[in-house]
N, C-alpha and C. Protein backbone atom coordinates (compact mmCIF):
# COMPACT_ATOMS: atom_id res chain seq x y z
N MET A 1 44.97 202.81 90.13
CA MET A 1 44.17 202.73 91.33
C MET A 1 42.79 202.15 91.02
N LYS A 2 42.25 202.53 89.86
CA LYS A 2 40.93 202.04 89.48
C LYS A 2 40.95 200.52 89.30
N LYS A 3 42.05 200.00 88.68
CA LYS A 3 42.19 198.56 88.48
C LYS A 3 42.29 197.84 89.82
N LEU A 4 43.04 198.41 90.77
CA LEU A 4 43.20 197.81 92.08
C LEU A 4 41.85 197.75 92.80
N ASN A 5 41.06 198.81 92.73
CA ASN A 5 39.75 198.82 93.36
C ASN A 5 38.83 197.77 92.74
N MET A 6 38.87 197.63 91.42
CA MET A 6 38.05 196.63 90.75
C MET A 6 38.49 195.22 91.15
N CYS A 7 39.79 195.03 91.27
CA CYS A 7 40.32 193.73 91.68
C CYS A 7 39.87 193.40 93.10
N LEU A 8 39.98 194.36 94.01
CA LEU A 8 39.55 194.15 95.38
C LEU A 8 38.06 193.89 95.47
N LEU A 9 37.28 194.60 94.66
CA LEU A 9 35.84 194.38 94.63
C LEU A 9 35.54 192.96 94.14
N SER A 10 36.24 192.51 93.13
CA SER A 10 36.05 191.14 92.61
C SER A 10 36.35 190.11 93.67
N VAL A 11 37.45 190.29 94.39
CA VAL A 11 37.82 189.36 95.46
C VAL A 11 36.74 189.36 96.54
N ALA A 12 36.22 190.52 96.89
CA ALA A 12 35.17 190.60 97.92
C ALA A 12 33.91 189.89 97.47
N VAL A 13 33.53 190.06 96.21
CA VAL A 13 32.32 189.41 95.69
C VAL A 13 32.49 187.90 95.70
N VAL A 14 33.63 187.41 95.21
CA VAL A 14 33.89 185.97 95.20
C VAL A 14 33.91 185.43 96.61
N SER A 15 34.56 186.12 97.53
CA SER A 15 34.62 185.67 98.93
C SER A 15 33.23 185.61 99.53
N ALA A 16 32.42 186.61 99.27
CA ALA A 16 31.05 186.61 99.80
C ALA A 16 30.26 185.45 99.23
N GLY A 17 30.46 185.17 97.96
CA GLY A 17 29.76 184.04 97.32
C GLY A 17 30.19 182.73 97.92
N LEU A 18 31.50 182.57 98.18
CA LEU A 18 31.99 181.32 98.77
C LEU A 18 31.50 181.14 100.19
N ALA A 19 31.28 182.22 100.89
CA ALA A 19 30.78 182.12 102.25
C ALA A 19 29.40 181.51 102.28
N GLY A 20 28.65 181.62 101.18
CA GLY A 20 27.31 181.05 101.12
C GLY A 20 27.27 179.63 100.60
N VAL A 21 28.43 179.04 100.32
CA VAL A 21 28.44 177.67 99.81
C VAL A 21 27.96 176.74 100.91
N GLY A 22 26.97 175.94 100.59
CA GLY A 22 26.46 174.96 101.53
C GLY A 22 26.78 173.57 101.06
N LEU A 23 26.95 172.65 101.98
CA LEU A 23 27.20 171.27 101.62
C LEU A 23 25.94 170.48 101.90
N ALA A 24 25.43 169.82 100.86
CA ALA A 24 24.20 169.08 101.07
C ALA A 24 23.99 168.05 99.99
N ASP A 25 23.25 167.04 100.32
CA ASP A 25 22.84 166.02 99.38
C ASP A 25 21.58 165.40 99.94
N ASP A 26 20.63 165.11 99.10
CA ASP A 26 19.34 164.63 99.56
C ASP A 26 19.40 163.32 100.32
N ASP A 27 20.41 162.48 100.05
CA ASP A 27 20.42 161.18 100.71
C ASP A 27 21.54 161.04 101.73
N GLY A 28 22.02 162.14 102.27
CA GLY A 28 22.93 162.08 103.39
C GLY A 28 24.41 162.12 103.07
N ASP A 29 24.80 162.27 101.83
CA ASP A 29 26.22 162.35 101.49
C ASP A 29 26.69 163.79 101.62
N GLU A 30 26.51 164.38 102.79
CA GLU A 30 26.90 165.76 103.01
C GLU A 30 28.33 166.00 102.57
N GLY A 31 28.54 167.05 101.81
CA GLY A 31 29.87 167.41 101.40
C GLY A 31 30.29 166.85 100.06
N ARG A 32 29.67 165.80 99.60
CA ARG A 32 30.09 165.22 98.33
C ARG A 32 29.69 166.10 97.15
N TYR A 33 28.50 166.66 97.20
CA TYR A 33 28.03 167.55 96.15
C TYR A 33 27.73 168.89 96.79
N MET A 34 28.48 169.90 96.43
CA MET A 34 28.31 171.21 97.05
C MET A 34 27.21 171.99 96.37
N ARG A 35 26.51 172.80 97.12
CA ARG A 35 25.44 173.63 96.61
C ARG A 35 25.89 175.08 96.68
N PRO A 36 26.33 175.66 95.55
CA PRO A 36 26.93 176.99 95.59
C PRO A 36 25.96 178.12 95.87
N TRP A 37 24.69 177.91 95.75
CA TRP A 37 23.73 179.00 95.92
C TRP A 37 23.28 179.13 97.36
N GLY A 38 23.79 178.30 98.24
CA GLY A 38 23.37 178.36 99.63
C GLY A 38 22.00 177.71 99.80
N SER A 39 21.35 178.02 100.87
CA SER A 39 20.10 177.35 101.20
C SER A 39 18.90 177.90 100.42
N ASN A 40 19.10 178.90 99.58
CA ASN A 40 17.95 179.46 98.86
C ASN A 40 17.73 178.82 97.49
N ALA A 41 18.47 177.78 97.14
CA ALA A 41 18.27 177.11 95.85
C ALA A 41 16.92 176.42 95.84
N ARG A 42 16.23 176.53 94.72
CA ARG A 42 14.92 175.89 94.58
C ARG A 42 15.11 174.40 94.30
N PRO A 43 14.14 173.58 94.66
CA PRO A 43 14.27 172.14 94.43
C PRO A 43 14.18 171.79 92.94
N GLY A 44 14.74 170.65 92.58
CA GLY A 44 14.64 170.15 91.21
C GLY A 44 15.42 170.95 90.20
N VAL A 45 14.86 171.06 89.00
CA VAL A 45 15.43 171.85 87.91
C VAL A 45 14.32 172.72 87.34
N ALA A 46 14.69 173.79 86.68
CA ALA A 46 13.68 174.66 86.07
C ALA A 46 12.92 173.88 85.00
N PRO A 47 11.60 173.92 85.02
CA PRO A 47 10.84 173.22 83.99
C PRO A 47 11.04 173.87 82.62
N VAL A 48 10.83 173.09 81.58
CA VAL A 48 10.94 173.61 80.22
C VAL A 48 9.81 174.60 80.00
N ASP A 49 10.18 175.82 79.61
CA ASP A 49 9.17 176.85 79.39
C ASP A 49 9.32 177.52 78.02
N TYR A 50 9.98 176.83 77.11
CA TYR A 50 10.19 177.39 75.77
C TYR A 50 9.48 176.50 74.75
N PRO A 51 8.37 176.95 74.20
CA PRO A 51 7.57 176.11 73.30
C PRO A 51 8.33 175.57 72.08
N LEU A 52 9.20 176.36 71.48
CA LEU A 52 9.94 175.87 70.31
C LEU A 52 10.78 174.66 70.68
N TYR A 53 11.49 174.74 71.78
CA TYR A 53 12.30 173.61 72.24
C TYR A 53 11.41 172.41 72.58
N ARG A 54 10.35 172.67 73.35
CA ARG A 54 9.45 171.59 73.75
C ARG A 54 8.86 170.90 72.53
N ASN A 55 8.45 171.67 71.53
CA ASN A 55 7.83 171.08 70.33
C ASN A 55 8.83 170.34 69.46
N GLU A 56 10.00 170.95 69.21
CA GLU A 56 10.99 170.33 68.33
C GLU A 56 11.64 169.11 68.96
N CYS A 57 12.20 169.28 70.13
CA CYS A 57 12.94 168.19 70.77
C CYS A 57 12.01 167.21 71.46
N GLY A 58 10.93 167.72 72.03
CA GLY A 58 9.98 166.87 72.72
C GLY A 58 9.11 166.03 71.81
N SER A 59 9.21 166.25 70.49
CA SER A 59 8.43 165.42 69.57
C SER A 59 9.05 164.03 69.40
N CYS A 60 10.33 163.88 69.76
CA CYS A 60 11.00 162.58 69.64
C CYS A 60 11.30 161.95 70.99
N HIS A 61 11.53 162.74 72.00
CA HIS A 61 11.84 162.24 73.34
C HIS A 61 11.44 163.30 74.35
N MET A 62 11.56 162.97 75.61
CA MET A 62 11.27 163.95 76.65
C MET A 62 12.09 165.21 76.38
N ALA A 63 11.47 166.36 76.50
CA ALA A 63 12.20 167.62 76.36
C ALA A 63 12.97 167.83 77.66
N TYR A 64 14.20 167.33 77.68
CA TYR A 64 15.03 167.41 78.88
C TYR A 64 15.22 168.87 79.29
N GLN A 65 15.11 169.11 80.58
CA GLN A 65 15.32 170.45 81.08
C GLN A 65 16.76 170.87 80.81
N PRO A 66 16.97 172.12 80.38
CA PRO A 66 18.33 172.58 80.12
C PRO A 66 19.25 172.44 81.33
N GLY A 67 18.70 172.51 82.53
CA GLY A 67 19.49 172.41 83.75
C GLY A 67 20.01 171.02 84.06
N LEU A 68 19.79 170.07 83.16
CA LEU A 68 20.31 168.72 83.37
C LEU A 68 21.67 168.49 82.72
N LEU A 69 22.13 169.44 81.91
CA LEU A 69 23.46 169.35 81.29
C LEU A 69 24.14 170.71 81.35
N PRO A 70 25.47 170.71 81.41
CA PRO A 70 26.18 171.99 81.38
C PRO A 70 26.15 172.59 79.98
N ALA A 71 26.41 173.88 79.90
CA ALA A 71 26.34 174.62 78.63
C ALA A 71 27.21 174.00 77.54
N HIS A 72 28.44 173.60 77.87
CA HIS A 72 29.32 173.06 76.83
C HIS A 72 28.77 171.75 76.25
N SER A 73 28.03 171.00 77.02
CA SER A 73 27.41 169.77 76.50
C SER A 73 26.26 170.11 75.54
N TRP A 74 25.42 171.07 75.94
CA TRP A 74 24.32 171.47 75.07
C TRP A 74 24.85 172.02 73.75
N GLU A 75 25.92 172.79 73.83
CA GLU A 75 26.50 173.36 72.61
C GLU A 75 26.99 172.25 71.67
N ARG A 76 27.67 171.28 72.23
CA ARG A 76 28.17 170.17 71.42
C ARG A 76 27.01 169.35 70.82
N LEU A 77 25.98 169.11 71.63
CA LEU A 77 24.81 168.37 71.13
C LEU A 77 24.13 169.11 69.98
N MET A 78 23.91 170.39 70.17
CA MET A 78 23.20 171.18 69.16
C MET A 78 24.03 171.39 67.89
N ASN A 79 25.35 171.33 68.01
CA ASN A 79 26.21 171.46 66.83
C ASN A 79 26.41 170.13 66.11
N GLY A 80 25.84 169.06 66.64
CA GLY A 80 25.97 167.75 66.01
C GLY A 80 24.63 167.10 65.73
N LEU A 81 23.63 167.89 65.41
CA LEU A 81 22.28 167.34 65.20
C LEU A 81 22.17 166.45 63.96
N ASP A 82 23.14 166.52 63.05
CA ASP A 82 23.10 165.65 61.89
C ASP A 82 23.34 164.19 62.29
N ASP A 83 23.95 163.96 63.45
CA ASP A 83 24.14 162.61 63.99
C ASP A 83 23.83 162.65 65.48
N HIS A 84 22.56 162.79 65.80
CA HIS A 84 22.08 162.92 67.17
C HIS A 84 21.75 161.53 67.70
N PHE A 85 22.76 160.89 68.29
CA PHE A 85 22.62 159.53 68.81
C PHE A 85 22.11 158.58 67.73
N GLY A 86 22.69 158.72 66.54
CA GLY A 86 22.36 157.83 65.43
C GLY A 86 21.21 158.31 64.56
N GLU A 87 20.62 159.43 64.87
CA GLU A 87 19.49 159.97 64.10
C GLU A 87 19.86 161.35 63.54
N ASN A 88 19.24 161.70 62.44
CA ASN A 88 19.40 163.05 61.90
C ASN A 88 18.30 163.92 62.50
N ALA A 89 18.69 164.85 63.34
CA ALA A 89 17.74 165.73 64.02
C ALA A 89 17.98 167.19 63.63
N GLU A 90 18.52 167.41 62.44
CA GLU A 90 18.83 168.77 62.01
C GLU A 90 17.59 169.66 62.04
N LEU A 91 17.83 170.92 62.34
CA LEU A 91 16.78 171.93 62.42
C LEU A 91 17.11 173.07 61.46
N PRO A 92 16.11 173.84 61.07
CA PRO A 92 16.42 175.06 60.32
C PRO A 92 17.37 175.92 61.16
N PRO A 93 18.33 176.60 60.52
CA PRO A 93 19.33 177.37 61.26
C PRO A 93 18.77 178.33 62.30
N GLY A 94 17.70 179.02 62.00
CA GLY A 94 17.11 179.96 62.95
C GLY A 94 16.57 179.25 64.19
N ASP A 95 15.91 178.12 63.98
CA ASP A 95 15.37 177.35 65.11
C ASP A 95 16.52 176.78 65.96
N ARG A 96 17.55 176.26 65.29
CA ARG A 96 18.68 175.70 66.00
C ARG A 96 19.34 176.76 66.88
N LYS A 97 19.52 177.95 66.32
CA LYS A 97 20.15 179.04 67.05
C LYS A 97 19.29 179.47 68.24
N ALA A 98 17.99 179.58 68.04
CA ALA A 98 17.09 180.00 69.12
C ALA A 98 17.06 178.96 70.24
N ILE A 99 16.99 177.68 69.88
CA ILE A 99 16.96 176.62 70.89
C ILE A 99 18.29 176.56 71.62
N LEU A 100 19.40 176.68 70.90
CA LEU A 100 20.70 176.68 71.54
C LEU A 100 20.81 177.82 72.55
N GLY A 101 20.34 179.00 72.19
CA GLY A 101 20.36 180.13 73.13
C GLY A 101 19.59 179.82 74.39
N TYR A 102 18.41 179.21 74.24
CA TYR A 102 17.60 178.83 75.40
C TYR A 102 18.35 177.82 76.28
N LEU A 103 18.94 176.81 75.65
CA LEU A 103 19.65 175.78 76.40
C LEU A 103 20.86 176.35 77.13
N LEU A 104 21.63 177.19 76.45
CA LEU A 104 22.82 177.77 77.07
C LEU A 104 22.46 178.69 78.23
N ASN A 105 21.43 179.49 78.07
CA ASN A 105 21.03 180.42 79.13
C ASN A 105 20.48 179.73 80.37
N ASN A 106 20.01 178.51 80.21
CA ASN A 106 19.37 177.79 81.32
C ASN A 106 20.08 176.50 81.69
N ALA A 107 21.31 176.34 81.23
CA ALA A 107 22.07 175.12 81.46
C ALA A 107 22.40 174.91 82.94
N ALA A 108 22.79 173.69 83.26
CA ALA A 108 23.19 173.36 84.63
C ALA A 108 24.30 174.30 85.08
N GLY A 109 24.18 174.77 86.29
CA GLY A 109 25.15 175.70 86.84
C GLY A 109 24.84 177.15 86.54
N ARG A 110 23.83 177.39 85.74
CA ARG A 110 23.47 178.77 85.41
C ARG A 110 22.11 179.17 85.98
N SER A 111 21.58 178.33 86.83
CA SER A 111 20.30 178.65 87.47
C SER A 111 20.35 178.22 88.92
N ASN A 112 19.45 178.72 89.71
CA ASN A 112 19.44 178.48 91.14
C ASN A 112 18.49 177.34 91.50
N TYR A 113 18.80 176.15 91.01
CA TYR A 113 18.02 174.95 91.30
C TYR A 113 18.97 173.88 91.85
N ARG A 114 18.56 173.21 92.91
CA ARG A 114 19.44 172.25 93.59
C ARG A 114 19.94 171.15 92.68
N VAL A 115 19.03 170.44 92.02
CA VAL A 115 19.45 169.31 91.18
C VAL A 115 20.32 169.81 90.03
N SER A 116 19.94 170.89 89.44
CA SER A 116 20.71 171.46 88.34
C SER A 116 22.14 171.77 88.78
N ASN A 117 22.30 172.34 89.96
CA ASN A 117 23.63 172.66 90.47
C ASN A 117 24.43 171.40 90.79
N LYS A 118 23.77 170.37 91.27
CA LYS A 118 24.47 169.12 91.58
C LYS A 118 24.96 168.43 90.31
N PHE A 119 24.27 168.63 89.21
CA PHE A 119 24.65 167.98 87.96
C PHE A 119 25.98 168.50 87.41
N VAL A 120 26.41 169.68 87.79
CA VAL A 120 27.67 170.20 87.27
C VAL A 120 28.86 169.91 88.18
N ARG A 121 28.64 169.27 89.28
CA ARG A 121 29.73 168.94 90.19
C ARG A 121 30.52 167.74 89.68
N ASN A 122 31.80 167.76 89.90
CA ASN A 122 32.70 166.65 89.59
C ASN A 122 32.72 166.26 88.11
N LEU A 123 32.46 167.21 87.23
CA LEU A 123 32.45 166.91 85.80
C LEU A 123 33.85 166.74 85.25
N ARG A 124 33.94 165.88 84.26
CA ARG A 124 35.17 165.69 83.51
C ARG A 124 34.78 165.67 82.04
N GLY A 125 35.44 166.46 81.26
CA GLY A 125 35.16 166.48 79.82
C GLY A 125 33.82 167.10 79.51
N THR A 126 33.28 166.68 78.38
CA THR A 126 31.99 167.19 77.92
C THR A 126 31.02 166.01 77.78
N PRO A 127 30.25 165.73 78.83
CA PRO A 127 29.32 164.61 78.77
C PRO A 127 28.23 164.86 77.72
N MET A 128 27.91 163.84 76.97
CA MET A 128 26.89 163.95 75.94
C MET A 128 25.55 163.38 76.40
N ARG A 129 25.56 162.67 77.47
CA ARG A 129 24.34 162.07 78.01
C ARG A 129 24.18 162.46 79.48
N ILE A 130 22.98 162.74 79.86
CA ILE A 130 22.70 163.07 81.26
C ILE A 130 23.09 161.89 82.14
N SER A 131 22.87 160.68 81.64
CA SER A 131 23.17 159.48 82.41
C SER A 131 24.67 159.25 82.62
N GLU A 132 25.54 160.08 82.02
CA GLU A 132 26.99 159.98 82.21
C GLU A 132 27.49 160.90 83.32
N LEU A 133 26.66 161.80 83.80
CA LEU A 133 27.08 162.76 84.81
C LEU A 133 27.28 162.09 86.16
N PRO A 134 28.33 162.45 86.89
CA PRO A 134 28.61 161.82 88.19
C PRO A 134 27.42 161.83 89.15
N TYR A 135 26.70 162.94 89.23
CA TYR A 135 25.56 162.98 90.16
C TYR A 135 24.46 162.01 89.73
N PHE A 136 24.20 161.92 88.43
CA PHE A 136 23.20 160.98 87.93
C PHE A 136 23.61 159.55 88.29
N VAL A 137 24.85 159.21 88.01
CA VAL A 137 25.35 157.86 88.30
C VAL A 137 25.22 157.58 89.80
N HIS A 138 25.58 158.55 90.62
CA HIS A 138 25.48 158.42 92.08
C HIS A 138 24.04 158.13 92.51
N GLU A 139 23.10 158.86 91.96
CA GLU A 139 21.70 158.72 92.36
C GLU A 139 21.03 157.45 91.84
N HIS A 140 21.56 156.86 90.78
CA HIS A 140 20.93 155.69 90.17
C HIS A 140 21.72 154.41 90.37
N ARG A 141 22.77 154.45 91.15
CA ARG A 141 23.69 153.33 91.28
C ARG A 141 23.07 152.07 91.87
N GLU A 142 22.06 152.20 92.70
CA GLU A 142 21.48 151.04 93.37
C GLU A 142 20.26 150.45 92.64
N ILE A 143 19.85 151.06 91.57
CA ILE A 143 18.67 150.57 90.85
C ILE A 143 19.06 149.38 89.97
N PRO A 144 18.46 148.22 90.20
CA PRO A 144 18.80 147.04 89.41
C PRO A 144 18.49 147.24 87.92
N ALA A 145 19.36 146.78 87.06
CA ALA A 145 19.21 146.93 85.60
C ALA A 145 17.89 146.33 85.12
N ARG A 146 17.42 145.28 85.75
CA ARG A 146 16.17 144.64 85.32
C ARG A 146 14.97 145.58 85.42
N LEU A 147 15.06 146.57 86.32
CA LEU A 147 13.96 147.51 86.49
C LEU A 147 13.98 148.62 85.44
N VAL A 148 15.11 148.78 84.76
CA VAL A 148 15.25 149.86 83.78
C VAL A 148 15.49 149.27 82.40
N LYS A 149 16.71 148.79 82.16
CA LYS A 149 17.07 148.26 80.85
C LYS A 149 16.30 147.00 80.51
N GLY A 150 15.99 146.19 81.51
CA GLY A 150 15.23 144.96 81.29
C GLY A 150 13.73 145.16 81.36
N ASN A 151 13.29 146.40 81.47
CA ASN A 151 11.88 146.73 81.61
C ASN A 151 11.40 147.37 80.30
N PRO A 152 10.56 146.69 79.51
CA PRO A 152 10.12 147.25 78.23
C PRO A 152 9.35 148.57 78.35
N LYS A 153 8.81 148.86 79.53
CA LYS A 153 8.09 150.12 79.72
C LYS A 153 9.03 151.28 80.07
N VAL A 154 10.30 150.96 80.33
CA VAL A 154 11.28 152.00 80.65
C VAL A 154 12.36 151.99 79.57
N GLY A 155 13.09 150.89 79.44
CA GLY A 155 14.07 150.72 78.36
C GLY A 155 15.46 151.25 78.62
N SER A 156 15.57 152.45 79.19
CA SER A 156 16.90 153.01 79.48
C SER A 156 16.77 154.12 80.52
N PHE A 157 17.91 154.48 81.08
CA PHE A 157 17.93 155.56 82.06
C PHE A 157 17.63 156.92 81.42
N SER A 158 17.66 157.01 80.11
CA SER A 158 17.37 158.28 79.44
C SER A 158 15.87 158.56 79.36
N ASN A 159 15.07 157.60 79.72
CA ASN A 159 13.62 157.74 79.69
C ASN A 159 13.13 158.21 81.07
N CYS A 160 13.57 159.38 81.49
CA CYS A 160 13.34 159.90 82.84
C CYS A 160 11.87 159.88 83.26
N ASP A 161 11.01 160.35 82.35
CA ASP A 161 9.60 160.50 82.73
C ASP A 161 8.86 159.17 82.83
N ALA A 162 9.50 158.06 82.50
CA ALA A 162 8.87 156.76 82.68
C ALA A 162 8.75 156.44 84.17
N CYS A 163 9.72 156.86 84.97
CA CYS A 163 9.74 156.55 86.41
C CYS A 163 9.55 157.77 87.30
N HIS A 164 10.09 158.89 86.88
CA HIS A 164 9.97 160.12 87.67
C HIS A 164 8.66 160.81 87.28
N THR A 165 7.66 160.67 88.12
CA THR A 165 6.33 161.17 87.78
C THR A 165 6.27 162.69 87.65
N GLY A 166 7.21 163.39 88.24
CA GLY A 166 7.23 164.85 88.16
C GLY A 166 8.28 165.38 87.19
N ALA A 167 8.91 164.52 86.41
CA ALA A 167 10.02 164.92 85.53
C ALA A 167 9.64 166.06 84.59
N ASN A 168 8.49 166.02 84.00
CA ASN A 168 8.11 167.07 83.05
C ASN A 168 7.93 168.43 83.72
N ARG A 169 7.77 168.42 85.04
CA ARG A 169 7.66 169.68 85.80
C ARG A 169 9.00 170.07 86.42
N GLY A 170 10.05 169.27 86.16
CA GLY A 170 11.36 169.56 86.72
C GLY A 170 11.57 169.00 88.12
N SER A 171 10.68 168.11 88.55
CA SER A 171 10.78 167.51 89.87
C SER A 171 11.30 166.08 89.75
N TYR A 172 12.45 165.85 90.38
CA TYR A 172 13.04 164.52 90.39
C TYR A 172 13.13 164.00 91.82
N ASN A 173 12.15 164.35 92.62
CA ASN A 173 12.08 163.95 94.02
C ASN A 173 12.02 162.43 94.10
N GLU A 174 12.87 161.86 94.94
CA GLU A 174 12.93 160.40 95.05
C GLU A 174 11.64 159.80 95.60
N HIS A 175 10.80 160.61 96.20
CA HIS A 175 9.52 160.11 96.72
C HIS A 175 8.43 160.11 95.65
N GLN A 176 8.76 160.56 94.45
CA GLN A 176 7.81 160.58 93.34
C GLN A 176 8.23 159.60 92.25
N ILE A 177 8.94 158.55 92.63
CA ILE A 177 9.39 157.54 91.66
C ILE A 177 8.39 156.40 91.64
N ASN A 178 7.94 156.05 90.44
CA ASN A 178 7.04 154.93 90.25
C ASN A 178 7.52 154.17 89.01
N ILE A 179 8.21 153.07 89.22
CA ILE A 179 8.77 152.30 88.11
C ILE A 179 7.68 151.42 87.52
N PRO A 180 7.37 151.59 86.23
CA PRO A 180 6.33 150.78 85.59
C PRO A 180 6.56 149.28 85.77
N GLY A 181 5.52 148.60 86.18
CA GLY A 181 5.61 147.16 86.40
C GLY A 181 6.22 146.76 87.72
N TYR A 182 6.70 147.75 88.47
CA TYR A 182 7.33 147.49 89.76
C TYR A 182 6.65 148.27 90.87
N GLY A 183 6.40 149.53 90.62
CA GLY A 183 5.77 150.40 91.62
C GLY A 183 6.74 151.39 92.21
N ARG A 184 6.40 151.86 93.39
CA ARG A 184 7.22 152.87 94.05
C ARG A 184 8.58 152.26 94.40
N TYR A 185 9.64 152.99 94.08
CA TYR A 185 10.99 152.52 94.39
C TYR A 185 11.55 153.31 95.54
N ASP A 186 12.03 152.60 96.53
CA ASP A 186 12.62 153.24 97.69
C ASP A 186 13.96 152.60 97.95
N ASP A 187 15.01 153.41 97.91
CA ASP A 187 16.33 152.84 98.17
C ASP A 187 16.61 153.00 99.60
């Protein structure tokens, strides 16, 4: 009887959670990317608030917010630091473990932020780059390559803070885009 009650309670909790699923997308593609937290999700992604991560990873590139990749991607990245996109980024074991814990606890789908939740939708496999995620591709599909890859001040889509003026604060609002050498971008 105890197992049956627990099972029924689980079904009720899941059903209640599904009742709060909202369909939304910032540019009008309602329904394409579901927002599981309902209308109370905060905008953007949680900003980086862990100094060890910010100092270690941010010394070579933007300290990407953990909410931009799912947990399994962060785990794979952190377990392969000896060949981190062609570079050796190995860390002392204690630092690696502490940073991995931070990334896993705050990964996409594990926090109540709109952009973070959208990044885990429609995933296949274990993406190693934020720019491989379906939502990222969807949001950047209309940007001409000359403005990013052909722009020496940007260089690639992985250089988020070159164009997204609020990226370091976790804000990827399309109204805060300023492409170096081009200006404000409006699709």
